[in-house]
Each structure stands twice: as C-alpha cells, then as structure tokens.
Amino acid sequence: MSYLDTKILVVDDEKMILELLHSRLTKTGFVVDVAENAAEGIKKIHNNSYDLILTDIKMPGMSGNDFFEYLKTTLAQPIPVIAMSGTPWLTEKSSFDAIIGKPFCKDELLYVISRFVQIG
C-alpha cells in the first residue's frame, strides 16, 4: 500500500496537535481525519475505514490505552495503532503496534509510519 492510498485517523485532545499532524501528514500525501477524543474516534471508525491510527495516551474520558483495547476487541480487521505519548516509558509494556514520544519531528513520525505503509 502506498502512502497516497493510506487513510490515517489521528486522535488527540489537543487541537494544536491535531492541526499540526493534519497539516504535515496531508502535505506528505496521506488522507487524514481527526478526532478530539476517543469517543469521537470510535464514531469515526464505525463510519469510515482507516489504514492506520495515531492516538494520544492521556486524554480526558477514555484514555488512549482504553481506546486501543476497544479497537483490538471490537474490530473485525486489525488496524495498526501508534501511540503518541509525552511519557513513552509508561507504555513500554503495552501492546500498541508502535510508540512515539512527544515531542517528535516529522521525520521521526514518518519513520514510524513507514513500518506499516510504504512512504514515497
């Protein structure tokens, strides 16, 4: 799958992070959708198909960990989930497909995404 065919859902409670990731990933050629919390992310997942999900860990309401567990137990097709965290060492024993520490640069993010989709 090439990145031009890749649809990514970004879930984060910080609007600035959502805007930044949407802008950077869209400019790279991905199709990007955003959700401001896990509940909104779940609604979007039930109404759309995604190839990859980026989720924050610490969010009000349902955490990124709970969101991930929901996805793994309810989705018929597994979707790679990359956790974004300011405290990545707290997620070392988790089952996320990948973890990227905040703050990160575009190249770091694209490197992690490239483990799941072909870029360029």
PDB file of N, CA and C in Angstrom:
ATOM      1  N   MET A   1       0.856  -1.176   0.000  1.00  0.00           N
ATOM      2  CA  MET A   1       0.000   0.000   0.000  1.00  0.00           C
ATOM      3  C   MET A   1       0.900   1.236   0.000  1.00  0.00           C
ATOM      4  N   SER A   2       0.627   2.149  -0.865  1.00  0.00           N
ATOM      5  CA  SER A   2       1.412   3.376  -0.905  1.00  0.00           C
ATOM      6  C   SER A   2       0.771   4.415   0.006  1.00  0.00           C
ATOM      7  N   TYR A   3       1.557   5.390   0.394  1.00  0.00           N
ATOM      8  CA  TYR A   3       1.041   6.411   1.300  1.00  0.00           C
ATOM      9  C   TYR A   3      -0.111   7.198   0.680  1.00  0.00           C
ATOM     10  N   LEU A   4      -0.160   7.292  -0.638  1.00  0.00           N
ATOM     11  CA  LEU A   4      -1.240   8.039  -1.280  1.00  0.00           C
ATOM     12  C   LEU A   4      -2.586   7.352  -1.116  1.00  0.00           C
ATOM     13  N   ASP A   5      -2.562   6.059  -0.815  1.00  0.00           N
ATOM     14  CA  ASP A   5      -3.788   5.309  -0.600  1.00  0.00           C
ATOM     15  C   ASP A   5      -4.106   5.167   0.884  1.00  0.00           C
ATOM     16  N   THR A   6      -3.274   5.706   1.737  1.00  0.00           N
ATOM     17  CA  THR A   6      -3.371   5.474   3.171  1.00  0.00           C
ATOM     18  C   THR A   6      -4.237   6.518   3.854  1.00  0.00           C
ATOM     19  N   LYS A   7      -5.234   6.042   4.592  1.00  0.00           N
ATOM     20  CA  LYS A   7      -6.116   6.927   5.355  1.00  0.00           C
ATOM     21  C   LYS A   7      -5.767   6.773   6.837  1.00  0.00           C
ATOM     22  N   ILE A   8      -5.420   7.888   7.462  1.00  0.00           N
ATOM     23  CA  ILE A   8      -4.979   7.898   8.858  1.00  0.00           C
ATOM     24  C   ILE A   8      -5.984   8.653   9.715  1.00  0.00           C
ATOM     25  N   LEU A   9      -6.289   8.079  10.884  1.00  0.00           N
ATOM     26  CA  LEU A   9      -7.091   8.760  11.894  1.00  0.00           C
ATOM     27  C   LEU A   9      -6.158   9.178  13.017  1.00  0.00           C
ATOM     28  N   VAL A  10      -6.203  10.473  13.367  1.00  0.00           N
ATOM     29  CA  VAL A  10      -5.410  11.000  14.474  1.00  0.00           C
ATOM     30  C   VAL A  10      -6.369  11.354  15.604  1.00  0.00           C
ATOM     31  N   VAL A  11      -6.118  10.798  16.805  1.00  0.00           N
ATOM     32  CA  VAL A  11      -6.958  11.047  17.972  1.00  0.00           C
ATOM     33  C   VAL A  11      -6.106  11.719  19.036  1.00  0.00           C
ATOM     34  N   ASP A  12      -6.479  12.945  19.406  1.00  0.00           N
ATOM     35  CA  ASP A  12      -5.744  13.697  20.422  1.00  0.00           C
ATOM     36  C   ASP A  12      -6.652  14.784  20.964  1.00  0.00           C
ATOM     37  N   ASP A  13      -6.548  15.039  22.253  1.00  0.00           N
ATOM     38  CA  ASP A  13      -7.416  16.058  22.853  1.00  0.00           C
ATOM     39  C   ASP A  13      -6.854  17.471  22.713  1.00  0.00           C
ATOM     40  N   GLU A  14      -5.655  17.611  22.175  1.00  0.00           N
ATOM     41  CA  GLU A  14      -5.066  18.939  21.971  1.00  0.00           C
ATOM     42  C   GLU A  14      -5.270  19.370  20.522  1.00  0.00           C
ATOM     43  N   LYS A  15      -6.077  20.420  20.336  1.00  0.00           N
ATOM     44  CA  LYS A  15      -6.395  20.880  18.976  1.00  0.00           C
ATOM     45  C   LYS A  15      -5.149  21.264  18.188  1.00  0.00           C
ATOM     46  N   MET A  16      -4.169  21.861  18.855  1.00  0.00           N
ATOM     47  CA  MET A  16      -2.953  22.272  18.159  1.00  0.00           C
ATOM     48  C   MET A  16      -2.218  21.047  17.587  1.00  0.00           C
ATOM     49  N   ILE A  17      -2.181  19.964  18.335  1.00  0.00           N
ATOM     50  CA  ILE A  17      -1.548  18.729  17.851  1.00  0.00           C
ATOM     51  C   ILE A  17      -2.323  18.182  16.651  1.00  0.00           C
ATOM     52  N   LEU A  18      -3.646  18.178  16.755  1.00  0.00           N
ATOM     53  CA  LEU A  18      -4.472  17.699  15.638  1.00  0.00           C
ATOM     54  C   LEU A  18      -4.223  18.519  14.379  1.00  0.00           C
ATOM     55  N   GLU A  19      -4.205  19.833  14.526  1.00  0.00           N
ATOM     56  CA  GLU A  19      -3.993  20.707  13.372  1.00  0.00           C
ATOM     57  C   GLU A  19      -2.613  20.494  12.767  1.00  0.00           C
ATOM     58  N   LEU A  20      -1.606  20.383  13.611  1.00  0.00           N
ATOM     59  CA  LEU A  20      -0.234  20.193  13.140  1.00  0.00           C
ATOM     60  C   LEU A  20      -0.088  18.854  12.406  1.00  0.00           C
ATOM     61  N   LEU A  21      -0.577  17.785  13.002  1.00  0.00           N
ATOM     62  CA  LEU A  21      -0.467  16.475  12.361  1.00  0.00           C
ATOM     63  C   LEU A  21      -1.294  16.403  11.082  1.00  0.00           C
ATOM     64  N   HIS A  22      -2.479  16.983  11.108  1.00  0.00           N
ATOM     65  CA  HIS A  22      -3.297  17.003   9.895  1.00  0.00           C
ATOM     66  C   HIS A  22      -2.556  17.705   8.771  1.00  0.00           C
ATOM     67  N   SER A  23      -2.000  18.867   9.067  1.00  0.00           N
ATOM     68  CA  SER A  23      -1.284  19.639   8.053  1.00  0.00           C
ATOM     69  C   SER A  23      -0.064  18.883   7.522  1.00  0.00           C
ATOM     70  N   ARG A  24       0.773  18.393   8.418  1.00  0.00           N
ATOM     71  CA  ARG A  24       2.010  17.724   7.990  1.00  0.00           C
ATOM     72  C   ARG A  24       1.739  16.437   7.233  1.00  0.00           C
ATOM     73  N   LEU A  25       0.816  15.635   7.728  1.00  0.00           N
ATOM     74  CA  LEU A  25       0.548  14.361   7.062  1.00  0.00           C
ATOM     75  C   LEU A  25      -0.175  14.553   5.735  1.00  0.00           C
ATOM     76  N   THR A  26      -1.061  15.540   5.664  1.00  0.00           N
ATOM     77  CA  THR A  26      -1.753  15.836   4.410  1.00  0.00           C
ATOM     78  C   THR A  26      -0.757  16.314   3.359  1.00  0.00           C
ATOM     79  N   LYS A  27       0.176  17.181   3.762  1.00  0.00           N
ATOM     80  CA  LYS A  27       1.193  17.672   2.818  1.00  0.00           C
ATOM     81  C   LYS A  27       2.085  16.545   2.323  1.00  0.00           C
ATOM     82  N   THR A  28       2.250  15.497   3.130  1.00  0.00           N
ATOM     83  CA  THR A  28       3.049  14.340   2.727  1.00  0.00           C
ATOM     84  C   THR A  28       2.286  13.482   1.732  1.00  0.00           C
ATOM     85  N   GLY A  29       0.959  13.585   1.717  1.00  0.00           N
ATOM     86  CA  GLY A  29       0.157  12.850   0.758  1.00  0.00           C
ATOM     87  C   GLY A  29      -0.841  11.882   1.368  1.00  0.00           C
ATOM     88  N   PHE A  30      -0.882  11.815   2.688  1.00  0.00           N
ATOM     89  CA  PHE A  30      -1.853  10.939   3.346  1.00  0.00           C
ATOM     90  C   PHE A  30      -3.239  11.585   3.351  1.00  0.00           C
ATOM     91  N   VAL A  31      -4.259  10.758   3.464  1.00  0.00           N
ATOM     92  CA  VAL A  31      -5.620  11.228   3.701  1.00  0.00           C
ATOM     93  C   VAL A  31      -5.779  11.176   5.224  1.00  0.00           C
ATOM     94  N   VAL A  32      -6.093  12.319   5.843  1.00  0.00           N
ATOM     95  CA  VAL A  32      -6.080  12.402   7.301  1.00  0.00           C
ATOM     96  C   VAL A  32      -7.429  12.857   7.828  1.00  0.00           C
ATOM     97  N   ASP A  33      -7.890  12.175   8.864  1.00  0.00           N
ATOM     98  CA  ASP A  33      -9.100  12.535   9.585  1.00  0.00           C
ATOM     99  C   ASP A  33      -8.685  12.711  11.037  1.00  0.00           C
ATOM    100  N   VAL A  34      -9.383  13.559  11.779  1.00  0.00           N
ATOM    101  CA  VAL A  34      -9.018  13.808  13.169  1.00  0.00           C
ATOM    102  C   VAL A  34     -10.219  13.633  14.091  1.00  0.00           C
ATOM    103  N   ALA A  35      -9.910  13.302  15.358  1.00  0.00           N
ATOM    104  CA  ALA A  35     -10.922  13.189  16.400  1.00  0.00           C
ATOM    105  C   ALA A  35     -10.346  13.803  17.672  1.00  0.00           C
ATOM    106  N   GLU A  36     -11.170  14.581  18.375  1.00  0.00           N
ATOM    107  CA  GLU A  36     -10.705  15.293  19.566  1.00  0.00           C
ATOM    108  C   GLU A  36     -10.729  14.459  20.841  1.00  0.00           C
ATOM    109  N   ASN A  37     -11.253  13.239  20.757  1.00  0.00           N
ATOM    110  CA  ASN A  37     -11.234  12.336  21.909  1.00  0.00           C
ATOM    111  C   ASN A  37     -11.520  10.924  21.406  1.00  0.00           C
ATOM    112  N   ALA A  38     -11.360   9.952  22.304  1.00  0.00           N
ATOM    113  CA  ALA A  38     -11.536   8.554  21.912  1.00  0.00           C
ATOM    114  C   ALA A  38     -12.967   8.249  21.485  1.00  0.00           C
ATOM    115  N   ALA A  39     -13.961   8.833  22.167  1.00  0.00           N
ATOM    116  CA  ALA A  39     -15.362   8.574  21.808  1.00  0.00           C
ATOM    117  C   ALA A  39     -15.632   9.031  20.373  1.00  0.00           C
ATOM    118  N   GLU A  40     -15.117  10.202  20.000  1.00  0.00           N
ATOM    119  CA  GLU A  40     -15.277  10.685  18.629  1.00  0.00           C
ATOM    120  C   GLU A  40     -14.521   9.776  17.660  1.00  0.00           C
ATOM    121  N   GLY A  41     -13.352   9.306  18.081  1.00  0.00           N
ATOM    122  CA  GLY A  41     -12.579   8.378  17.261  1.00  0.00           C
ATOM    123  C   GLY A  41     -13.344   7.100  16.987  1.00  0.00           C
ATOM    124  N   ILE A  42     -14.013   6.571  18.002  1.00  0.00           N
ATOM    125  CA  ILE A  42     -14.809   5.352  17.841  1.00  0.00           C
ATOM    126  C   ILE A  42     -15.936   5.571  16.840  1.00  0.00           C
ATOM    127  N   LYS A  43     -16.620   6.710  16.942  1.00  0.00           N
ATOM    128  CA  LYS A  43     -17.689   7.014  15.980  1.00  0.00           C
ATOM    129  C   LYS A  43     -17.137   7.047  14.557  1.00  0.00           C
ATOM    130  N   LYS A  44     -15.987   7.698  14.380  1.00  0.00           N
ATOM    131  CA  LYS A  44     -15.401   7.812  13.045  1.00  0.00           C
ATOM    132  C   LYS A  44     -14.996   6.449  12.511  1.00  0.00           C
ATOM    133  N   ILE A  45     -14.476   5.591  13.375  1.00  0.00           N
ATOM    134  CA  ILE A  45     -14.056   4.256  12.952  1.00  0.00           C
ATOM    135  C   ILE A  45     -15.252   3.427  12.489  1.00  0.00           C
ATOM    136  N   HIS A  46     -16.384   3.612  13.130  1.00  0.00           N
ATOM    137  CA  HIS A  46     -17.574   2.862  12.737  1.00  0.00           C
ATOM    138  C   HIS A  46     -18.200   3.385  11.448  1.00  0.00           C
ATOM    139  N   ASN A  47     -17.842   4.611  11.043  1.00  0.00           N
ATOM    140  CA  ASN A  47     -18.404   5.211   9.835  1.00  0.00           C
ATOM    141  C   ASN A  47     -17.418   5.316   8.671  1.00  0.00           C
ATOM    142  N   ASN A  48     -16.156   4.992   8.908  1.00  0.00           N
ATOM    143  CA  ASN A  48     -15.108   5.115   7.892  1.00  0.00           C
ATOM    144  C   ASN A  48     -14.154   3.941   8.013  1.00  0.00           C
ATOM    145  N   SER A  49     -13.305   3.789   7.013  1.00  0.00           N
ATOM    146  CA  SER A  49     -12.243   2.785   7.128  1.00  0.00           C
ATOM    147  C   SER A  49     -10.900   3.515   7.162  1.00  0.00           C
ATOM    148  N   TYR A  50     -10.017   3.027   8.012  1.00  0.00           N
ATOM    149  CA  TYR A  50      -8.694   3.627   8.178  1.00  0.00           C
ATOM    150  C   TYR A  50      -7.640   2.545   8.042  1.00  0.00           C
ATOM    151  N   ASP A  51      -6.467   2.974   7.597  1.00  0.00           N
ATOM    152  CA  ASP A  51      -5.343   2.061   7.445  1.00  0.00           C
ATOM    153  C   ASP A  51      -4.390   2.137   8.629  1.00  0.00           C
ATOM    154  N   LEU A  52      -4.480   3.237   9.374  1.00  0.00           N
ATOM    155  CA  LEU A  52      -3.555   3.471  10.482  1.00  0.00           C
ATOM    156  C   LEU A  52      -4.193   4.461  11.446  1.00  0.00           C
ATOM    157  N   ILE A  53      -3.931   4.265  12.735  1.00  0.00           N
ATOM    158  CA  ILE A  53      -4.456   5.186  13.748  1.00  0.00           C
ATOM    159  C   ILE A  53      -3.305   5.679  14.606  1.00  0.00           C
ATOM    160  N   LEU A  54      -3.275   6.989  14.821  1.00  0.00           N
ATOM    161  CA  LEU A  54      -2.349   7.617  15.772  1.00  0.00           C
ATOM    162  C   LEU A  54      -3.194   8.100  16.938  1.00  0.00           C
ATOM    163  N   THR A  55      -2.832   7.708  18.157  1.00  0.00           N
ATOM    164  CA  THR A  55      -3.620   8.146  19.301  1.00  0.00           C
ATOM    165  C   THR A  55      -2.742   8.618  20.443  1.00  0.00           C
ATOM    166  N   ASP A  56      -3.198   9.681  21.072  1.00  0.00           N
ATOM    167  CA  ASP A  56      -2.581  10.151  22.300  1.00  0.00           C
ATOM    168  C   ASP A  56      -2.924   9.143  23.391  1.00  0.00           C
ATOM    169  N   ILE A  57      -2.129   9.091  24.445  1.00  0.00           N
ATOM    170  CA  ILE A  57      -2.399   8.182  25.556  1.00  0.00           C
ATOM    171  C   ILE A  57      -3.250   8.870  26.617  1.00  0.00           C
ATOM    172  N   LYS A  58      -2.805  10.035  27.058  1.00  0.00           N
ATOM    173  CA  LYS A  58      -3.512  10.739  28.133  1.00  0.00           C
ATOM    174  C   LYS A  58      -4.547  11.674  27.545  1.00  0.00           C
ATOM    175  N   MET A  59      -5.820  11.276  27.692  1.00  0.00           N
ATOM    176  CA  MET A  59      -6.928  12.099  27.224  1.00  0.00           C
ATOM    177  C   MET A  59      -8.032  12.021  28.269  1.00  0.00           C
ATOM    178  N   PRO A  60      -8.812  13.090  28.414  1.00  0.00           N
ATOM    179  CA  PRO A  60      -9.938  13.017  29.347  1.00  0.00           C
ATOM    180  C   PRO A  60     -10.967  12.001  28.861  1.00  0.00           C
ATOM    181  N   GLY A  61     -11.686  11.420  29.789  1.00  0.00           N
ATOM    182  CA  GLY A  61     -12.658  10.397  29.420  1.00  0.00           C
ATOM    183  C   GLY A  61     -11.930   9.097  29.162  1.00  0.00           C
ATOM    184  N   MET A  62     -12.122   8.545  27.994  1.00  0.00           N
ATOM    185  CA  MET A  62     -11.464   7.294  27.619  1.00  0.00           C
ATOM    186  C   MET A  62     -10.013   7.567  27.249  1.00  0.00           C
ATOM    187  N   SER A  63      -9.091   6.860  27.886  1.00  0.00           N
ATOM    188  CA  SER A  63      -7.667   7.054  27.599  1.00  0.00           C
ATOM    189  C   SER A  63      -7.290   6.382  26.279  1.00  0.00           C
ATOM    190  N   GLY A  64      -6.107   6.689  25.808  1.00  0.00           N
ATOM    191  CA  GLY A  64      -5.599   6.033  24.611  1.00  0.00           C
ATOM    192  C   GLY A  64      -5.457   4.532  24.799  1.00  0.00           C
ATOM    193  N   ASN A  65      -5.086   4.110  26.015  1.00  0.00           N
ATOM    194  CA  ASN A  65      -4.976   2.677  26.304  1.00  0.00           C
ATOM    195  C   ASN A  65      -6.340   1.998  26.189  1.00  0.00           C
ATOM    196  N   ASP A  66      -7.370   2.624  26.771  1.00  0.00           N
ATOM    197  CA  ASP A  66      -8.724   2.056  26.699  1.00  0.00           C
ATOM    198  C   ASP A  66      -9.242   2.058  25.259  1.00  0.00           C
ATOM    199  N   PHE A  67      -8.942   3.108  24.528  1.00  0.00           N
ATOM    200  CA  PHE A  67      -9.309   3.214  23.117  1.00  0.00           C
ATOM    201  C   PHE A  67      -8.674   2.067  22.335  1.00  0.00           C
ATOM    202  N   PHE A  68      -7.396   1.823  22.588  1.00  0.00           N
ATOM    203  CA  PHE A  68      -6.671   0.746  21.918  1.00  0.00           C
ATOM    204  C   PHE A  68      -7.301  -0.615  22.236  1.00  0.00           C
ATOM    205  N   GLU A  69      -7.609  -0.856  23.492  1.00  0.00           N
ATOM    206  CA  GLU A  69      -8.236  -2.122  23.887  1.00  0.00           C
ATOM    207  C   GLU A  69      -9.593  -2.296  23.208  1.00  0.00           C
ATOM    208  N   TYR A  70     -10.361  -1.225  23.126  1.00  0.00           N
ATOM    209  CA  TYR A  70     -11.646  -1.262  22.432  1.00  0.00           C
ATOM    210  C   TYR A  70     -11.446  -1.678  20.975  1.00  0.00           C
ATOM    211  N   LEU A  71     -10.472  -1.046  20.308  1.00  0.00           N
ATOM    212  CA  LEU A  71     -10.217  -1.357  18.897  1.00  0.00           C
ATOM    213  C   LEU A  71      -9.830  -2.813  18.709  1.00  0.00           C
ATOM    214  N   LYS A  72      -8.953  -3.299  19.558  1.00  0.00           N
ATOM    215  CA  LYS A  72      -8.450  -4.664  19.400  1.00  0.00           C
ATOM    216  C   LYS A  72      -9.526  -5.711  19.685  1.00  0.00           C
ATOM    217  N   THR A  73     -10.508  -5.382  20.500  1.00  0.00           N
ATOM    218  CA  THR A  73     -11.534  -6.373  20.837  1.00  0.00           C
ATOM    219  C   THR A  73     -12.794  -6.264  19.977  1.00  0.00           C
ATOM    220  N   THR A  74     -12.992  -5.158  19.284  1.00  0.00           N
ATOM    221  CA  THR A  74     -14.243  -4.994  18.534  1.00  0.00           C
ATOM    222  C   THR A  74     -14.092  -4.932  17.018  1.00  0.00           C
ATOM    223  N   LEU A  75     -12.918  -4.620  16.521  1.00  0.00           N
ATOM    224  CA  LEU A  75     -12.761  -4.504  15.069  1.00  0.00           C
ATOM    225  C   LEU A  75     -12.515  -5.867  14.429  1.00  0.00           C
ATOM    226  N   ALA A  76     -13.188  -6.117  13.328  1.00  0.00           N
ATOM    227  CA  ALA A  76     -13.007  -7.379  12.621  1.00  0.00           C
ATOM    228  C   ALA A  76     -11.624  -7.460  11.979  1.00  0.00           C
ATOM    229  N   GLN A  77     -11.174  -6.350  11.412  1.00  0.00           N
ATOM    230  CA  GLN A  77      -9.853  -6.283  10.787  1.00  0.00           C
ATOM    231  C   GLN A  77      -8.929  -5.461  11.679  1.00  0.00           C
ATOM    232  N   PRO A  78      -7.766  -5.992  12.020  1.00  0.00           N
ATOM    233  CA  PRO A  78      -6.854  -5.198  12.850  1.00  0.00           C
ATOM    234  C   PRO A  78      -6.304  -3.993  12.080  1.00  0.00           C
ATOM    235  N   ILE A  79      -6.216  -2.881  12.761  1.00  0.00           N
ATOM    236  CA  ILE A  79      -5.647  -1.652  12.211  1.00  0.00           C
ATOM    237  C   ILE A  79      -4.419  -1.324  13.063  1.00  0.00           C
ATOM    238  N   PRO A  80      -3.265  -1.056  12.444  1.00  0.00           N
ATOM    239  CA  PRO A  80      -2.107  -0.680  13.250  1.00  0.00           C
ATOM    240  C   PRO A  80      -2.404   0.597  14.041  1.00  0.00           C
ATOM    241  N   VAL A  81      -2.026   0.586  15.321  1.00  0.00           N
ATOM    242  CA  VAL A  81      -2.252   1.730  16.198  1.00  0.00           C
ATOM    243  C   VAL A  81      -0.913   2.180  16.768  1.00  0.00           C
ATOM    244  N   ILE A  82      -0.593   3.449  16.513  1.00  0.00           N
ATOM    245  CA  ILE A  82       0.637   4.055  17.030  1.00  0.00           C
ATOM    246  C   ILE A  82       0.256   4.984  18.170  1.00  0.00           C
ATOM    247  N   ALA A  83       0.858   4.757  19.334  1.00  0.00           N
ATOM    248  CA  ALA A  83       0.614   5.605  20.494  1.00  0.00           C
ATOM    249  C   ALA A  83       1.560   6.787  20.461  1.00  0.00           C
ATOM    250  N   MET A  84       1.036   7.957  20.821  1.00  0.00           N
ATOM    251  CA  MET A  84       1.846   9.170  20.958  1.00  0.00           C
ATOM    252  C   MET A  84       1.795   9.549  22.431  1.00  0.00           C
ATOM    253  N   SER A  85       2.968   9.724  23.047  1.00  0.00           N
ATOM    254  CA  SER A  85       2.961   9.998  24.479  1.00  0.00           C
ATOM    255  C   SER A  85       4.134  10.868  24.896  1.00  0.00           C
ATOM    256  N   GLY A  86       3.853  11.787  25.813  1.00  0.00           N
ATOM    257  CA  GLY A  86       4.910  12.579  26.428  1.00  0.00           C
ATOM    258  C   GLY A  86       5.667  11.775  27.467  1.00  0.00           C
ATOM    259  N   THR A  87       5.110  10.623  27.829  1.00  0.00           N
ATOM    260  CA  THR A  87       5.754   9.714  28.788  1.00  0.00           C
ATOM    261  C   THR A  87       5.811   8.309  28.182  1.00  0.00           C
ATOM    262  N   PRO A  88       6.569   8.129  27.093  1.00  0.00           N
ATOM    263  CA  PRO A  88       6.564   6.844  26.388  1.00  0.00           C
ATOM    264  C   PRO A  88       7.059   5.675  27.235  1.00  0.00           C
ATOM    265  N   TRP A  89       7.876   5.942  28.242  1.00  0.00           N
ATOM    266  CA  TRP A  89       8.372   4.862  29.097  1.00  0.00           C
ATOM    267  C   TRP A  89       7.244   4.210  29.895  1.00  0.00           C
ATOM    268  N   LEU A  90       6.137   4.910  30.057  1.00  0.00           N
ATOM    269  CA  LEU A  90       4.997   4.330  30.766  1.00  0.00           C
ATOM    270  C   LEU A  90       4.202   3.367  29.888  1.00  0.00           C
ATOM    271  N   THR A  91       4.485   3.346  28.603  1.00  0.00           N
ATOM    272  CA  THR A  91       3.746   2.482  27.682  1.00  0.00           C
ATOM    273  C   THR A  91       4.606   1.326  27.165  1.00  0.00           C
ATOM    274  N   GLU A  92       5.793   1.143  27.724  1.00  0.00           N
ATOM    275  CA  GLU A  92       6.719   0.124  27.217  1.00  0.00           C
ATOM    276  C   GLU A  92       6.138  -1.278  27.227  1.00  0.00           C
ATOM    277  N   LYS A  93       5.307  -1.593  28.187  1.00  0.00           N
ATOM    278  CA  LYS A  93       4.761  -2.950  28.283  1.00  0.00           C
ATOM    279  C   LYS A  93       3.389  -3.069  27.621  1.00  0.00           C
ATOM    280  N   SER A  94       3.007  -2.064  26.864  1.00  0.00           N
ATOM    281  CA  SER A  94       1.697  -2.094  26.209  1.00  0.00           C
ATOM    282  C   SER A  94       1.779  -2.904  24.918  1.00  0.00           C
ATOM    283  N   SER A  95       0.639  -3.108  24.299  1.00  0.00           N
ATOM    284  CA  SER A  95       0.560  -3.889  23.068  1.00  0.00           C
ATOM    285  C   SER A  95       0.388  -3.033  21.828  1.00  0.00           C
ATOM    286  N   PHE A  96       0.599  -1.721  21.951  1.00  0.00           N
ATOM    287  CA  PHE A  96       0.495  -0.859  20.771  1.00  0.00           C
ATOM    288  C   PHE A  96       1.433  -1.379  19.695  1.00  0.00           C
ATOM    289  N   ASP A  97       1.073  -1.137  18.450  1.00  0.00           N
ATOM    290  CA  ASP A  97       1.925  -1.576  17.346  1.00  0.00           C
ATOM    291  C   ASP A  97       3.229  -0.793  17.303  1.00  0.00           C
ATOM    292  N   ALA A  98       3.186   0.452  17.771  1.00  0.00           N
ATOM    293  CA  ALA A  98       4.384   1.282  17.880  1.00  0.00           C
ATOM    294  C   ALA A  98       4.079   2.421  18.850  1.00  0.00           C
ATOM    295  N   ILE A  99       5.148   3.012  19.386  1.00  0.00           N
ATOM    296  CA  ILE A  99       5.011   4.133  20.314  1.00  0.00           C
ATOM    297  C   ILE A  99       6.004   5.201  19.885  1.00  0.00           C
ATOM    298  N   ILE A 100       5.539   6.445  19.842  1.00  0.00           N
ATOM    299  CA  ILE A 100       6.429   7.560  19.529  1.00  0.00           C
ATOM    300  C   ILE A 100       6.303   8.582  20.660  1.00  0.00           C
ATOM    301  N   GLY A 101       7.452   9.047  21.135  1.00  0.00           N
ATOM    302  CA  GLY A 101       7.461  10.005  22.230  1.00  0.00           C
ATOM    303  C   GLY A 101       7.240  11.423  21.746  1.00  0.00           C
ATOM    304  N   LYS A 102       6.421  12.168  22.492  1.00  0.00           N
ATOM    305  CA  LYS A 102       6.217  13.595  22.200  1.00  0.00           C
ATOM    306  C   LYS A 102       7.266  14.376  22.972  1.00  0.00           C
ATOM    307  N   PRO A 103       7.810  15.419  22.439  1.00  0.00           N
ATOM    308  CA  PRO A 103       7.599  15.919  21.077  1.00  0.00           C
ATOM    309  C   PRO A 103       8.402  15.082  20.081  1.00  0.00           C
ATOM    310  N   PHE A 104       7.945  15.059  18.848  1.00  0.00           N
ATOM    311  CA  PHE A 104       8.647  14.344  17.793  1.00  0.00           C
ATOM    312  C   PHE A 104       8.677  15.220  16.555  1.00  0.00           C
ATOM    313  N   CYS A 105       9.638  14.951  15.689  1.00  0.00           N
ATOM    314  CA  CYS A 105       9.724  15.719  14.440  1.00  0.00           C
ATOM    315  C   CYS A 105       9.050  14.916  13.330  1.00  0.00           C
ATOM    316  N   LYS A 106       8.817  15.571  12.229  1.00  0.00           N
ATOM    317  CA  LYS A 106       8.129  14.950  11.099  1.00  0.00           C
ATOM    318  C   LYS A 106       8.864  13.695  10.638  1.00  0.00           C
ATOM    319  N   ASP A 107      10.193  13.750  10.563  1.00  0.00           N
ATOM    320  CA  ASP A 107      10.959  12.595  10.101  1.00  0.00           C
ATOM    321  C   ASP A 107      10.791  11.394  11.024  1.00  0.00           C
ATOM    322  N   GLU A 108      10.763  11.629  12.337  1.00  0.00           N
ATOM    323  CA  GLU A 108      10.540  10.533  13.290  1.00  0.00           C
ATOM    324  C   GLU A 108       9.172   9.908  13.059  1.00  0.00           C
ATOM    325  N   LEU A 109       8.165  10.752  12.895  1.00  0.00           N
ATOM    326  CA  LEU A 109       6.807  10.264  12.687  1.00  0.00           C
ATOM    327  C   LEU A 109       6.715   9.454  11.397  1.00  0.00           C
ATOM    328  N   LEU A 110       7.285   9.975  10.325  1.00  0.00           N
ATOM    329  CA  LEU A 110       7.234   9.259   9.049  1.00  0.00           C
ATOM    330  C   LEU A 110       7.992   7.942   9.119  1.00  0.00           C
ATOM    331  N   TYR A 111       9.076   7.904   9.884  1.00  0.00           N
ATOM    332  CA  TYR A 111       9.817   6.654  10.063  1.00  0.00           C
ATOM    333  C   TYR A 111       8.937   5.594  10.734  1.00  0.00           C
ATOM    334  N   VAL A 112       8.236   5.985  11.790  1.00  0.00           N
ATOM    335  CA  VAL A 112       7.363   5.039  12.492  1.00  0.00           C
ATOM    336  C   VAL A 112       6.214   4.602  11.581  1.00  0.00           C
ATOM    337  N   ILE A 113       5.607   5.546  10.878  1.00  0.00           N
ATOM    338  CA  ILE A 113       4.514   5.204   9.958  1.00  0.00           C
ATOM    339  C   ILE A 113       5.007   4.266   8.861  1.00  0.00           C
ATOM    340  N   SER A 114       6.245   4.458   8.405  1.00  0.00           N
ATOM    341  CA  SER A 114       6.783   3.639   7.311  1.00  0.00           C
ATOM    342  C   SER A 114       6.918   2.167   7.696  1.00  0.00           C
ATOM    343  N   ARG A 115       6.838   1.854   8.971  1.00  0.00           N
ATOM    344  CA  ARG A 115       6.850   0.449   9.397  1.00  0.00           C
ATOM    345  C   ARG A 115       5.561  -0.260   9.004  1.00  0.00           C
ATOM    346  N   PHE A 116       4.515   0.530   8.692  1.00  0.00           N
ATOM    347  CA  PHE A 116       3.201  -0.037   8.386  1.00  0.00           C
ATOM    348  C   PHE A 116       2.718   0.263   6.976  1.00  0.00           C
ATOM    349  N   VAL A 117       3.224   1.324   6.366  1.00  0.00           N
ATOM    350  CA  VAL A 117       2.863   1.674   4.997  1.00  0.00           C
ATOM    351  C   VAL A 117       4.110   2.135   4.260  1.00  0.00           C
ATOM    352  N   GLN A 118       4.101   1.930   2.963  1.00  0.00           N
ATOM    353  CA  GLN A 118       5.233   2.367   2.152  1.00  0.00           C
ATOM    354  C   GLN A 118       5.107   3.863   1.891  1.00  0.00           C
ATOM    355  N   ILE A 119       6.172   4.601   2.189  1.00  0.00           N
ATOM    356  CA  ILE A 119       6.151   6.061   2.003  1.00  0.00           C
ATOM    357  C   ILE A 119       7.051   6.396   0.830  1.00  0.00           C
ATOM    358  N   GLY A 120       6.500   7.231  -0.067  1.00  0.00           N
ATOM    359  CA  GLY A 120       7.282   7.720  -1.206  1.00  0.00           C
ATOM    360  C   GLY A 120       7.619   6.630  -2.100  1.00  0.00           C
TER     361      GLY A 120
END
